[in-house]
Amino acid sequence: MALVKPETFDDKEVTMVYVVGRLSEGKRVEQILSAKAIDYAVDIEPYQSRLLGILPVKHEGIGFYVLSAQVDFCRRVLREAGLVQGLVEEDRD
């Protein structure tokens, strides 16, 4: 189980669990989800960071989507792996 085409989830409820802006971080998220046999899809997502901790800066990153039924488990394993910067804690519409 691992990366699947977004169409695989067409008739299922999915939730974005993580958003990355760096390739190395994305590879780590992929490793964790794959190791736990979790199917996930990716898509381009906007996100915001702060320059010097003050000025908001908009970027595009990669959002990781999982089945909504697995989102709590996925958040927990990503958090335990130290992947917290891009963790999406609440469901986004």
PDB file of N, CA and C in Angstrom:
ATOM      1  N   MET A   1       0.848  -1.169   0.000  1.00  0.00           N
ATOM      2  CA  MET A   1       0.000   0.000   0.000  1.00  0.00           C
ATOM      3  C   MET A   1       0.898   1.238   0.000  1.00  0.00           C
ATOM      4  N   ALA A   2       0.450   2.268  -0.696  1.00  0.00           N
ATOM      5  CA  ALA A   2       1.254   3.476  -0.758  1.00  0.00           C
ATOM      6  C   ALA A   2       0.510   4.530  -1.569  1.00  0.00           C
ATOM      7  N   LEU A   3       1.275   5.266  -2.342  1.00  0.00           N
ATOM      8  CA  LEU A   3       0.720   6.322  -3.176  1.00  0.00           C
ATOM      9  C   LEU A   3      -0.273   5.728  -4.168  1.00  0.00           C
ATOM     10  N   VAL A   4      -1.462   6.316  -4.206  1.00  0.00           N
ATOM     11  CA  VAL A   4      -2.484   5.893  -5.162  1.00  0.00           C
ATOM     12  C   VAL A   4      -2.930   7.112  -5.954  1.00  0.00           C
ATOM     13  N   LYS A   5      -3.544   6.873  -7.091  1.00  0.00           N
ATOM     14  CA  LYS A   5      -4.087   7.970  -7.879  1.00  0.00           C
ATOM     15  C   LYS A   5      -5.274   8.575  -7.133  1.00  0.00           C
ATOM     16  N   PRO A   6      -5.445   9.887  -7.199  1.00  0.00           N
ATOM     17  CA  PRO A   6      -6.574  10.516  -6.508  1.00  0.00           C
ATOM     18  C   PRO A   6      -7.927   9.904  -6.881  1.00  0.00           C
ATOM     19  N   GLU A   7      -8.050   9.409  -8.110  1.00  0.00           N
ATOM     20  CA  GLU A   7      -9.316   8.812  -8.545  1.00  0.00           C
ATOM     21  C   GLU A   7      -9.686   7.585  -7.714  1.00  0.00           C
ATOM     22  N   THR A   8      -8.706   6.962  -7.102  1.00  0.00           N
ATOM     23  CA  THR A   8      -8.959   5.799  -6.252  1.00  0.00           C
ATOM     24  C   THR A   8      -9.891   6.160  -5.102  1.00  0.00           C
ATOM     25  N   PHE A   9      -9.825   7.406  -4.672  1.00  0.00           N
ATOM     26  CA  PHE A   9     -10.628   7.871  -3.539  1.00  0.00           C
ATOM     27  C   PHE A   9     -11.910   8.582  -3.968  1.00  0.00           C
ATOM     28  N   ASP A  10     -12.249   8.556  -5.260  1.00  0.00           N
ATOM     29  CA  ASP A  10     -13.384   9.324  -5.771  1.00  0.00           C
ATOM     30  C   ASP A  10     -14.685   9.110  -5.005  1.00  0.00           C
ATOM     31  N   ASP A  11     -14.995   7.899  -4.636  1.00  0.00           N
ATOM     32  CA  ASP A  11     -16.268   7.627  -3.970  1.00  0.00           C
ATOM     33  C   ASP A  11     -16.119   7.480  -2.453  1.00  0.00           C
ATOM     34  N   LYS A  12     -14.981   7.944  -1.924  1.00  0.00           N
ATOM     35  CA  LYS A  12     -14.702   7.808  -0.500  1.00  0.00           C
ATOM     36  C   LYS A  12     -14.409   9.173   0.114  1.00  0.00           C
ATOM     37  N   GLU A  13     -14.635   9.272   1.404  1.00  0.00           N
ATOM     38  CA  GLU A  13     -14.345  10.513   2.121  1.00  0.00           C
ATOM     39  C   GLU A  13     -12.865  10.535   2.502  1.00  0.00           C
ATOM     40  N   VAL A  14     -12.176  11.610   2.113  1.00  0.00           N
ATOM     41  CA  VAL A  14     -10.751  11.746   2.410  1.00  0.00           C
ATOM     42  C   VAL A  14     -10.493  13.040   3.171  1.00  0.00           C
ATOM     43  N   THR A  15      -9.371  13.064   3.863  1.00  0.00           N
ATOM     44  CA  THR A  15      -8.969  14.226   4.651  1.00  0.00           C
ATOM     45  C   THR A  15      -7.494  14.478   4.426  1.00  0.00           C
ATOM     46  N   MET A  16      -7.131  15.770   4.303  1.00  0.00           N
ATOM     47  CA  MET A  16      -5.716  16.105   4.199  1.00  0.00           C
ATOM     48  C   MET A  16      -5.105  15.985   5.587  1.00  0.00           C
ATOM     49  N   VAL A  17      -4.029  15.226   5.674  1.00  0.00           N
ATOM     50  CA  VAL A  17      -3.391  14.967   6.957  1.00  0.00           C
ATOM     51  C   VAL A  17      -2.077  15.725   7.114  1.00  0.00           C
ATOM     52  N   TYR A  18      -1.431  16.080   5.993  1.00  0.00           N
ATOM     53  CA  TYR A  18      -0.123  16.731   6.066  1.00  0.00           C
ATOM     54  C   TYR A  18       0.100  17.542   4.803  1.00  0.00           C
ATOM     55  N   VAL A  19       0.825  18.651   4.935  1.00  0.00           N
ATOM     56  CA  VAL A  19       1.229  19.438   3.770  1.00  0.00           C
ATOM     57  C   VAL A  19       2.720  19.740   3.901  1.00  0.00           C
ATOM     58  N   VAL A  20       3.456  19.500   2.811  1.00  0.00           N
ATOM     59  CA  VAL A  20       4.909  19.700   2.825  1.00  0.00           C
ATOM     60  C   VAL A  20       5.309  20.748   1.799  1.00  0.00           C
ATOM     61  N   GLY A  21       6.411  21.410   2.089  1.00  0.00           N
ATOM     62  CA  GLY A  21       6.970  22.367   1.155  1.00  0.00           C
ATOM     63  C   GLY A  21       8.351  21.958   0.678  1.00  0.00           C
ATOM     64  N   ARG A  22       8.918  20.927   1.312  1.00  0.00           N
ATOM     65  CA  ARG A  22      10.270  20.466   0.957  1.00  0.00           C
ATOM     66  C   ARG A  22      10.227  18.991   0.546  1.00  0.00           C
ATOM     67  N   LEU A  23      10.987  18.669  -0.458  1.00  0.00           N
ATOM     68  CA  LEU A  23      11.039  17.306  -0.974  1.00  0.00           C
ATOM     69  C   LEU A  23      11.462  16.314   0.105  1.00  0.00           C
ATOM     70  N   SER A  24      12.464  16.645   0.878  1.00  0.00           N
ATOM     71  CA  SER A  24      12.959  15.723   1.906  1.00  0.00           C
ATOM     72  C   SER A  24      11.872  15.397   2.929  1.00  0.00           C
ATOM     73  N   GLU A  25      11.101  16.382   3.292  1.00  0.00           N
ATOM     74  CA  GLU A  25      10.008  16.165   4.241  1.00  0.00           C
ATOM     75  C   GLU A  25       8.922  15.295   3.606  1.00  0.00           C
ATOM     76  N   GLY A  26       8.631  15.540   2.339  1.00  0.00           N
ATOM     77  CA  GLY A  26       7.639  14.743   1.628  1.00  0.00           C
ATOM     78  C   GLY A  26       8.046  13.285   1.539  1.00  0.00           C
ATOM     79  N   LYS A  27       9.317  13.037   1.289  1.00  0.00           N
ATOM     80  CA  LYS A  27       9.810  11.657   1.222  1.00  0.00           C
ATOM     81  C   LYS A  27       9.662  10.966   2.575  1.00  0.00           C
ATOM     82  N   ARG A  28       9.891  11.703   3.632  1.00  0.00           N
ATOM     83  CA  ARG A  28       9.753  11.132   4.989  1.00  0.00           C
ATOM     84  C   ARG A  28       8.292  10.782   5.278  1.00  0.00           C
ATOM     85  N   VAL A  29       7.364  11.670   4.905  1.00  0.00           N
ATOM     86  CA  VAL A  29       5.937  11.387   5.085  1.00  0.00           C
ATOM     87  C   VAL A  29       5.564  10.140   4.298  1.00  0.00           C
ATOM     88  N   GLU A  30       6.029  10.048   3.054  1.00  0.00           N
ATOM     89  CA  GLU A  30       5.765   8.863   2.231  1.00  0.00           C
ATOM     90  C   GLU A  30       6.286   7.595   2.902  1.00  0.00           C
ATOM     91  N   GLN A  31       7.483   7.644   3.455  1.00  0.00           N
ATOM     92  CA  GLN A  31       8.067   6.474   4.115  1.00  0.00           C
ATOM     93  C   GLN A  31       7.207   6.021   5.293  1.00  0.00           C
ATOM     94  N   ILE A  32       6.780   6.971   6.103  1.00  0.00           N
ATOM     95  CA  ILE A  32       5.990   6.640   7.297  1.00  0.00           C
ATOM     96  C   ILE A  32       4.653   6.036   6.896  1.00  0.00           C
ATOM     97  N   LEU A  33       3.949   6.684   5.975  1.00  0.00           N
ATOM     98  CA  LEU A  33       2.635   6.169   5.571  1.00  0.00           C
ATOM     99  C   LEU A  33       2.759   4.808   4.889  1.00  0.00           C
ATOM    100  N   SER A  34       3.741   4.641   4.039  1.00  0.00           N
ATOM    101  CA  SER A  34       3.940   3.368   3.350  1.00  0.00           C
ATOM    102  C   SER A  34       4.292   2.253   4.334  1.00  0.00           C
ATOM    103  N   ALA A  35       5.132   2.572   5.314  1.00  0.00           N
ATOM    104  CA  ALA A  35       5.530   1.576   6.307  1.00  0.00           C
ATOM    105  C   ALA A  35       4.340   1.091   7.128  1.00  0.00           C
ATOM    106  N   LYS A  36       3.339   1.929   7.268  1.00  0.00           N
ATOM    107  CA  LYS A  36       2.128   1.566   8.019  1.00  0.00           C
ATOM    108  C   LYS A  36       1.033   1.028   7.102  1.00  0.00           C
ATOM    109  N   ALA A  37       1.366   0.781   5.832  1.00  0.00           N
ATOM    110  CA  ALA A  37       0.426   0.222   4.841  1.00  0.00           C
ATOM    111  C   ALA A  37      -0.816   1.101   4.661  1.00  0.00           C
ATOM    112  N   ILE A  38      -0.595   2.404   4.603  1.00  0.00           N
ATOM    113  CA  ILE A  38      -1.684   3.365   4.437  1.00  0.00           C
ATOM    114  C   ILE A  38      -1.686   3.876   3.002  1.00  0.00           C
ATOM    115  N   ASP A  39      -2.808   3.743   2.336  1.00  0.00           N
ATOM    116  CA  ASP A  39      -2.969   4.337   1.014  1.00  0.00           C
ATOM    117  C   ASP A  39      -3.121   5.844   1.175  1.00  0.00           C
ATOM    118  N   TYR A  40      -2.477   6.597   0.305  1.00  0.00           N
ATOM    119  CA  TYR A  40      -2.589   8.053   0.345  1.00  0.00           C
ATOM    120  C   TYR A  40      -2.509   8.587  -1.079  1.00  0.00           C
ATOM    121  N   ALA A  41      -3.078   9.755  -1.250  1.00  0.00           N
ATOM    122  CA  ALA A  41      -2.990  10.471  -2.519  1.00  0.00           C
ATOM    123  C   ALA A  41      -2.387  11.837  -2.225  1.00  0.00           C
ATOM    124  N   VAL A  42      -1.821  12.459  -3.249  1.00  0.00           N
ATOM    125  CA  VAL A  42      -1.218  13.782  -3.081  1.00  0.00           C
ATOM    126  C   VAL A  42      -1.810  14.755  -4.093  1.00  0.00           C
ATOM    127  N   ASP A  43      -1.775  16.028  -3.727  1.00  0.00           N
ATOM    128  CA  ASP A  43      -2.247  17.085  -4.609  1.00  0.00           C
ATOM    129  C   ASP A  43      -1.542  18.382  -4.220  1.00  0.00           C
ATOM    130  N   ILE A  44      -1.465  19.314  -5.131  1.00  0.00           N
ATOM    131  CA  ILE A  44      -0.863  20.616  -4.852  1.00  0.00           C
ATOM    132  C   ILE A  44      -1.816  21.405  -3.951  1.00  0.00           C
ATOM    133  N   GLU A  45      -1.259  21.976  -2.888  1.00  0.00           N
ATOM    134  CA  GLU A  45      -2.048  22.721  -1.915  1.00  0.00           C
ATOM    135  C   GLU A  45      -1.345  24.024  -1.552  1.00  0.00           C
ATOM    136  N   PRO A  46      -2.106  25.097  -1.388  1.00  0.00           N
ATOM    137  CA  PRO A  46      -1.511  26.334  -0.888  1.00  0.00           C
ATOM    138  C   PRO A  46      -1.288  26.224   0.627  1.00  0.00           C
ATOM    139  N   TYR A  47      -0.225  26.848   1.100  1.00  0.00           N
ATOM    140  CA  TYR A  47      -0.017  26.947   2.544  1.00  0.00           C
ATOM    141  C   TYR A  47       0.715  28.250   2.831  1.00  0.00           C
ATOM    142  N   GLN A  48       0.734  28.622   4.088  1.00  0.00           N
ATOM    143  CA  GLN A  48       1.316  29.904   4.470  1.00  0.00           C
ATOM    144  C   GLN A  48       2.374  29.685   5.541  1.00  0.00           C
ATOM    145  N   SER A  49       3.461  30.422   5.425  1.00  0.00           N
ATOM    146  CA  SER A  49       4.487  30.435   6.469  1.00  0.00           C
ATOM    147  C   SER A  49       4.736  31.895   6.836  1.00  0.00           C
ATOM    148  N   ARG A  50       5.617  32.101   7.775  1.00  0.00           N
ATOM    149  CA  ARG A  50       5.929  33.468   8.211  1.00  0.00           C
ATOM    150  C   ARG A  50       7.409  33.763   7.986  1.00  0.00           C
ATOM    151  N   LEU A  51       7.687  34.861   7.313  1.00  0.00           N
ATOM    152  CA  LEU A  51       9.051  35.329   7.092  1.00  0.00           C
ATOM    153  C   LEU A  51       9.474  36.111   8.326  1.00  0.00           C
ATOM    154  N   LEU A  52      10.591  35.708   8.915  1.00  0.00           N
ATOM    155  CA  LEU A  52      11.090  36.321  10.149  1.00  0.00           C
ATOM    156  C   LEU A  52      10.070  36.229  11.277  1.00  0.00           C
ATOM    157  N   GLY A  53       9.172  35.258  11.177  1.00  0.00           N
ATOM    158  CA  GLY A  53       8.165  35.072  12.209  1.00  0.00           C
ATOM    159  C   GLY A  53       7.063  36.115  12.211  1.00  0.00           C
ATOM    160  N   ILE A  54       7.056  37.004  11.204  1.00  0.00           N
ATOM    161  CA  ILE A  54       6.101  38.111  11.205  1.00  0.00           C
ATOM    162  C   ILE A  54       5.268  38.166   9.930  1.00  0.00           C
ATOM    163  N   LEU A  55       5.944  38.289   8.801  1.00  0.00           N
ATOM    164  CA  LEU A  55       5.258  38.515   7.534  1.00  0.00           C
ATOM    165  C   LEU A  55       4.735  37.215   6.927  1.00  0.00           C
ATOM    166  N   PRO A  56       3.436  37.136   6.639  1.00  0.00           N
ATOM    167  CA  PRO A  56       2.904  35.930   6.020  1.00  0.00           C
ATOM    168  C   PRO A  56       3.375  35.814   4.563  1.00  0.00           C
ATOM    169  N   VAL A  57       3.797  34.607   4.200  1.00  0.00           N
ATOM    170  CA  VAL A  57       4.252  34.327   2.846  1.00  0.00           C
ATOM    171  C   VAL A  57       3.489  33.108   2.342  1.00  0.00           C
ATOM    172  N   LYS A  58       2.908  33.239   1.152  1.00  0.00           N
ATOM    173  CA  LYS A  58       2.136  32.133   0.583  1.00  0.00           C
ATOM    174  C   LYS A  58       3.021  31.277  -0.304  1.00  0.00           C
ATOM    175  N   HIS A  59       2.812  29.952  -0.229  1.00  0.00           N
ATOM    176  CA  HIS A  59       3.575  28.979  -1.003  1.00  0.00           C
ATOM    177  C   HIS A  59       2.618  27.940  -1.574  1.00  0.00           C
ATOM    178  N   GLU A  60       3.159  27.093  -2.435  1.00  0.00           N
ATOM    179  CA  GLU A  60       2.443  25.896  -2.850  1.00  0.00           C
ATOM    180  C   GLU A  60       3.261  24.704  -2.392  1.00  0.00           C
ATOM    181  N   GLY A  61       2.564  23.722  -1.847  1.00  0.00           N
ATOM    182  CA  GLY A  61       3.211  22.509  -1.376  1.00  0.00           C
ATOM    183  C   GLY A  61       2.418  21.308  -1.831  1.00  0.00           C
ATOM    184  N   ILE A  62       2.735  20.187  -1.252  1.00  0.00           N
ATOM    185  CA  ILE A  62       2.040  18.951  -1.574  1.00  0.00           C
ATOM    186  C   ILE A  62       1.239  18.515  -0.358  1.00  0.00           C
ATOM    187  N   GLY A  63      -0.065  18.327  -0.567  1.00  0.00           N
ATOM    188  CA  GLY A  63      -0.939  17.836   0.487  1.00  0.00           C
ATOM    189  C   GLY A  63      -1.067  16.326   0.397  1.00  0.00           C
ATOM    190  N   PHE A  64      -1.006  15.659   1.525  1.00  0.00           N
ATOM    191  CA  PHE A  64      -1.184  14.210   1.617  1.00  0.00           C
ATOM    192  C   PHE A  64      -2.591  13.930   2.132  1.00  0.00           C
ATOM    193  N   TYR A  65      -3.336  13.144   1.370  1.00  0.00           N
ATOM    194  CA  TYR A  65      -4.717  12.807   1.703  1.00  0.00           C
ATOM    195  C   TYR A  65      -4.832  11.326   2.023  1.00  0.00           C
ATOM    196  N   VAL A  66      -5.599  11.022   3.065  1.00  0.00           N
ATOM    197  CA  VAL A  66      -5.869   9.641   3.453  1.00  0.00           C
ATOM    198  C   VAL A  66      -7.369   9.485   3.655  1.00  0.00           C
ATOM    199  N   LEU A  67      -7.813   8.239   3.743  1.00  0.00           N
ATOM    200  CA  LEU A  67      -9.219   8.002   4.048  1.00  0.00           C
ATOM    201  C   LEU A  67      -9.545   8.618   5.401  1.00  0.00           C
ATOM    202  N   SER A  68     -10.687   9.267   5.488  1.00  0.00           N
ATOM    203  CA  SER A  68     -11.065   9.956   6.727  1.00  0.00           C
ATOM    204  C   SER A  68     -11.099   9.018   7.925  1.00  0.00           C
ATOM    205  N   ALA A  69     -11.444   7.781   7.709  1.00  0.00           N
ATOM    206  CA  ALA A  69     -11.481   6.812   8.804  1.00  0.00           C
ATOM    207  C   ALA A  69     -10.094   6.551   9.391  1.00  0.00           C
ATOM    208  N   GLN A  70      -9.038   6.853   8.638  1.00  0.00           N
ATOM    209  CA  GLN A  70      -7.666   6.606   9.098  1.00  0.00           C
ATOM    210  C   GLN A  70      -6.947   7.863   9.569  1.00  0.00           C
ATOM    211  N   VAL A  71      -7.604   9.001   9.526  1.00  0.00           N
ATOM    212  CA  VAL A  71      -6.902  10.261   9.764  1.00  0.00           C
ATOM    213  C   VAL A  71      -6.330  10.364  11.178  1.00  0.00           C
ATOM    214  N   ASP A  72      -7.053   9.929  12.195  1.00  0.00           N
ATOM    215  CA  ASP A  72      -6.525  10.018  13.565  1.00  0.00           C
ATOM    216  C   ASP A  72      -5.278   9.152  13.725  1.00  0.00           C
ATOM    217  N   PHE A  73      -5.319   7.943  13.182  1.00  0.00           N
ATOM    218  CA  PHE A  73      -4.165   7.048  13.233  1.00  0.00           C
ATOM    219  C   PHE A  73      -2.980   7.678  12.497  1.00  0.00           C
ATOM    220  N   CYS A  74      -3.234   8.232  11.312  1.00  0.00           N
ATOM    221  CA  CYS A  74      -2.159   8.835  10.512  1.00  0.00           C
ATOM    222  C   CYS A  74      -1.537  10.025  11.222  1.00  0.00           C
ATOM    223  N   ARG A  75      -2.360  10.865  11.812  1.00  0.00           N
ATOM    224  CA  ARG A  75      -1.823  12.008  12.562  1.00  0.00           C
ATOM    225  C   ARG A  75      -0.940  11.528  13.694  1.00  0.00           C
ATOM    226  N   ARG A  76      -1.379  10.488  14.387  1.00  0.00           N
ATOM    227  CA  ARG A  76      -0.607   9.971  15.516  1.00  0.00           C
ATOM    228  C   ARG A  76       0.748   9.432  15.056  1.00  0.00           C
ATOM    229  N   VAL A  77       0.781   8.613  13.992  1.00  0.00           N
ATOM    230  CA  VAL A  77       2.060   8.040  13.568  1.00  0.00           C
ATOM    231  C   VAL A  77       2.996   9.107  13.001  1.00  0.00           C
ATOM    232  N   LEU A  78       2.457  10.096  12.332  1.00  0.00           N
ATOM    233  CA  LEU A  78       3.302  11.183  11.821  1.00  0.00           C
ATOM    234  C   LEU A  78       3.862  12.010  12.976  1.00  0.00           C
ATOM    235  N   ARG A  79       3.020  12.284  13.961  1.00  0.00           N
ATOM    236  CA  ARG A  79       3.470  13.037  15.131  1.00  0.00           C
ATOM    237  C   ARG A  79       4.562  12.258  15.872  1.00  0.00           C
ATOM    238  N   GLU A  80       4.360  10.953  16.062  1.00  0.00           N
ATOM    239  CA  GLU A  80       5.349  10.114  16.746  1.00  0.00           C
ATOM    240  C   GLU A  80       6.668  10.063  15.984  1.00  0.00           C
ATOM    241  N   ALA A  81       6.623  10.228  14.662  1.00  0.00           N
ATOM    242  CA  ALA A  81       7.840  10.237  13.838  1.00  0.00           C
ATOM    243  C   ALA A  81       8.511  11.607  13.823  1.00  0.00           C
ATOM    244  N   GLY A  82       7.939  12.563  14.542  1.00  0.00           N
ATOM    245  CA  GLY A  82       8.518  13.899  14.600  1.00  0.00           C
ATOM    246  C   GLY A  82       8.098  14.807  13.459  1.00  0.00           C
ATOM    247  N   LEU A  83       7.130  14.377  12.675  1.00  0.00           N
ATOM    248  CA  LEU A  83       6.639  15.181  11.546  1.00  0.00           C
ATOM    249  C   LEU A  83       5.431  15.985  12.024  1.00  0.00           C
ATOM    250  N   VAL A  84       5.705  17.183  12.507  1.00  0.00           N
ATOM    251  CA  VAL A  84       4.633  18.003  13.071  1.00  0.00           C
ATOM    252  C   VAL A  84       4.452  19.344  12.362  1.00  0.00           C
ATOM    253  N   GLN A  85       5.481  19.817  11.681  1.00  0.00           N
ATOM    254  CA  GLN A  85       5.416  21.148  11.077  1.00  0.00           C
ATOM    255  C   GLN A  85       4.272  21.279  10.082  1.00  0.00           C
ATOM    256  N   GLY A  86       4.043  20.277   9.265  1.00  0.00           N
ATOM    257  CA  GLY A  86       2.997  20.346   8.254  1.00  0.00           C
ATOM    258  C   GLY A  86       1.746  19.553   8.596  1.00  0.00           C
ATOM    259  N   LEU A  87       1.672  19.066   9.825  1.00  0.00           N
ATOM    260  CA  LEU A  87       0.532  18.267  10.244  1.00  0.00           C
ATOM    261  C   LEU A  87      -0.735  19.126  10.234  1.00  0.00           C
ATOM    262  N   VAL A  88      -1.762  18.625   9.594  1.00  0.00           N
ATOM    263  CA  VAL A  88      -3.055  19.323   9.544  1.00  0.00           C
ATOM    264  C   VAL A  88      -3.899  18.708  10.648  1.00  0.00           C
ATOM    265  N   GLU A  89      -4.055  19.442  11.735  1.00  0.00           N
ATOM    266  CA  GLU A  89      -4.720  18.914  12.922  1.00  0.00           C
ATOM    267  C   GLU A  89      -6.238  18.884  12.824  1.00  0.00           C
ATOM    268  N   GLU A  90      -6.804  19.817  12.103  1.00  0.00           N
ATOM    269  CA  GLU A  90      -8.257  19.831  11.962  1.00  0.00           C
ATOM    270  C   GLU A  90      -8.622  19.586  10.509  1.00  0.00           C
ATOM    271  N   ASP A  91      -9.834  19.112  10.313  1.00  0.00           N
ATOM    272  CA  ASP A  91     -10.289  18.843   8.958  1.00  0.00           C
ATOM    273  C   ASP A  91     -10.519  20.161   8.226  1.00  0.00           C
ATOM    274  N   ARG A  92     -10.046  20.217   6.978  1.00  0.00           N
ATOM    275  CA  ARG A  92     -10.231  21.405   6.135  1.00  0.00           C
ATOM    276  C   ARG A  92     -11.230  21.072   5.052  1.00  0.00           C
ATOM    277  N   ASP A  93     -12.063  22.038   4.694  1.00  0.00           N
ATOM    278  CA  ASP A  93     -13.041  21.832   3.617  1.00  0.00           C
ATOM    279  C   ASP A  93     -12.455  22.198   2.289  1.00  0.00           C
TER     280      ASP A  93
END
